[in-house]
Amino acid sequence: MGPIDILNFLKRLNCFPNATIAYRILLTIPVTVASAERSFSKLKLLKSYLRSTMTQERLSELALIAIENDILENVS
C-alpha cells in the first residue's frame, strides 16, 4: 500500500478530514534536500580566489544562473 493509496483510503472514510489534510501536506514535503545540496555545490564551484573581488549580488546572480541551468537541462 503506497502513500497515495493511504490518502485515498482516508478520503473514502470521510471521518478524519483533518488527518486527510495533514497527510496531503505531508506528501508535498520533499523527502530529501537535494535542491539545497545542489545550490551549495554550485556555490563551492563559484567560490575561488576571485570571489573576494566579487560583490555578494554578483555571486548570488552567478549561483542562480548555475542552478537554473541544471534545471533547464533536466527539463529539456
C-alpha atoms as a PDB file:
ATOM      1  CA  MET A   1       0.000   0.000   0.000  1.00  0.00           C
ATOM      2  CA  GLY A   2       1.573   3.272  -1.135  1.00  0.00           C
ATOM      3  CA  PRO A   3       1.118   6.809   0.143  1.00  0.00           C
ATOM      4  CA  ILE A   4      -1.491   7.679  -2.487  1.00  0.00           C
ATOM      5  CA  ASP A   5      -3.492   4.579  -1.551  1.00  0.00           C
ATOM      6  CA  ILE A   6      -3.477   5.666   2.090  1.00  0.00           C
ATOM      7  CA  LEU A   7      -4.621   9.155   1.099  1.00  0.00           C
ATOM      8  CA  ASN A   8      -7.457   7.731  -0.994  1.00  0.00           C
ATOM      9  CA  PHE A   9      -8.435   5.433   1.879  1.00  0.00           C
ATOM     10  CA  LEU A  10      -8.632   8.383   4.281  1.00  0.00           C
ATOM     11  CA  LYS A  11     -10.724  10.326   1.757  1.00  0.00           C
ATOM     12  CA  ARG A  12     -13.147   7.413   1.376  1.00  0.00           C
ATOM     13  CA  LEU A  13     -13.582   7.090   5.153  1.00  0.00           C
ATOM     14  CA  ASN A  14     -14.578  10.739   5.292  1.00  0.00           C
ATOM     15  CA  CYS A  15     -14.421  10.695   9.098  1.00  0.00           C
ATOM     16  CA  PHE A  16     -10.922  12.128   9.597  1.00  0.00           C
ATOM     17  CA  PRO A  17     -10.906  15.312   7.495  1.00  0.00           C
ATOM     18  CA  ASN A  18      -8.059  16.924   9.466  1.00  0.00           C
ATOM     19  CA  ALA A  19      -5.925  13.792   9.163  1.00  0.00           C
ATOM     20  CA  THR A  20      -6.540  13.764   5.413  1.00  0.00           C
ATOM     21  CA  ILE A  21      -5.459  17.400   5.097  1.00  0.00           C
ATOM     22  CA  ALA A  22      -2.379  16.822   7.262  1.00  0.00           C
ATOM     23  CA  TYR A  23      -1.418  13.759   5.212  1.00  0.00           C
ATOM     24  CA  ARG A  24      -1.797  15.708   1.953  1.00  0.00           C
ATOM     25  CA  ILE A  25       0.523  18.394   3.308  1.00  0.00           C
ATOM     26  CA  LEU A  26       2.994  15.738   4.457  1.00  0.00           C
ATOM     27  CA  LEU A  27       3.064  14.223   0.963  1.00  0.00           C
ATOM     28  CA  THR A  28       4.088  17.564  -0.551  1.00  0.00           C
ATOM     29  CA  ILE A  29       7.243  17.859   1.571  1.00  0.00           C
ATOM     30  CA  PRO A  30      10.275  16.618  -0.360  1.00  0.00           C
ATOM     31  CA  VAL A  31      11.988  13.558   1.063  1.00  0.00           C
ATOM     32  CA  THR A  32      15.464  14.975   0.514  1.00  0.00           C
ATOM     33  CA  VAL A  33      17.014  18.377   0.334  1.00  0.00           C
ATOM     34  CA  ALA A  34      18.721  17.680  -2.970  1.00  0.00           C
ATOM     35  CA  SER A  35      17.942  21.123  -4.365  1.00  0.00           C
ATOM     36  CA  ALA A  36      19.620  22.818  -1.403  1.00  0.00           C
ATOM     37  CA  GLU A  37      22.599  20.481  -1.697  1.00  0.00           C
ATOM     38  CA  ARG A  38      22.866  21.320  -5.398  1.00  0.00           C
ATOM     39  CA  SER A  39      22.842  25.021  -4.561  1.00  0.00           C
ATOM     40  CA  PHE A  40      25.682  24.660  -2.070  1.00  0.00           C
ATOM     41  CA  SER A  41      27.593  22.542  -4.556  1.00  0.00           C
ATOM     42  CA  LYS A  42      27.286  25.274  -7.179  1.00  0.00           C
ATOM     43  CA  LEU A  43      28.421  27.897  -4.684  1.00  0.00           C
ATOM     44  CA  LYS A  44      31.545  25.838  -3.981  1.00  0.00           C
ATOM     45  CA  LEU A  45      32.312  25.772  -7.701  1.00  0.00           C
ATOM     46  CA  LEU A  46      31.853  29.522  -7.979  1.00  0.00           C
ATOM     47  CA  LYS A  47      33.922  30.271  -4.916  1.00  0.00           C
ATOM     48  CA  SER A  48      37.524  30.788  -5.900  1.00  0.00           C
ATOM     49  CA  TYR A  49      40.332  33.206  -5.326  1.00  0.00           C
ATOM     50  CA  LEU A  50      38.384  35.716  -7.452  1.00  0.00           C
ATOM     51  CA  ARG A  51      35.407  35.575  -5.104  1.00  0.00           C
ATOM     52  CA  SER A  52      36.991  38.121  -2.788  1.00  0.00           C
ATOM     53  CA  THR A  53      36.684  40.696  -5.574  1.00  0.00           C
ATOM     54  CA  MET A  54      33.038  39.826  -6.268  1.00  0.00           C
ATOM     55  CA  THR A  55      30.134  41.531  -4.618  1.00  0.00           C
ATOM     56  CA  GLN A  56      27.530  39.403  -2.862  1.00  0.00           C
ATOM     57  CA  GLU A  57      24.978  40.392  -5.511  1.00  0.00           C
ATOM     58  CA  ARG A  58      27.182  39.120  -8.349  1.00  0.00           C
ATOM     59  CA  LEU A  59      27.873  35.851  -6.524  1.00  0.00           C
ATOM     60  CA  SER A  60      24.136  35.363  -5.957  1.00  0.00           C
ATOM     61  CA  GLU A  61      23.367  36.020  -9.621  1.00  0.00           C
ATOM     62  CA  LEU A  62      26.064  33.608 -10.797  1.00  0.00           C
ATOM     63  CA  ALA A  63      24.749  30.960  -8.400  1.00  0.00           C
ATOM     64  CA  LEU A  64      21.213  31.438  -9.704  1.00  0.00           C
ATOM     65  CA  ILE A  65      22.396  31.071 -13.305  1.00  0.00           C
ATOM     66  CA  ALA A  66      24.330  27.891 -12.457  1.00  0.00           C
ATOM     67  CA  ILE A  67      21.418  26.343 -10.523  1.00  0.00           C
ATOM     68  CA  GLU A  68      18.765  27.175 -13.100  1.00  0.00           C
ATOM     69  CA  ASN A  69      20.992  25.854 -15.885  1.00  0.00           C
ATOM     70  CA  ASP A  70      20.828  22.395 -14.263  1.00  0.00           C
ATOM     71  CA  ILE A  71      17.040  22.665 -14.024  1.00  0.00           C
ATOM     72  CA  LEU A  72      16.832  23.635 -17.703  1.00  0.00           C
ATOM     73  CA  GLU A  73      18.979  20.661 -18.714  1.00  0.00           C
ATOM     74  CA  ASN A  74      16.751  18.309 -16.685  1.00  0.00           C
ATOM     75  CA  VAL A  75      13.586  19.665 -18.331  1.00  0.00           C
ATOM     76  CA  SER A  76      14.961  19.521 -21.880  1.00  0.00           C
END
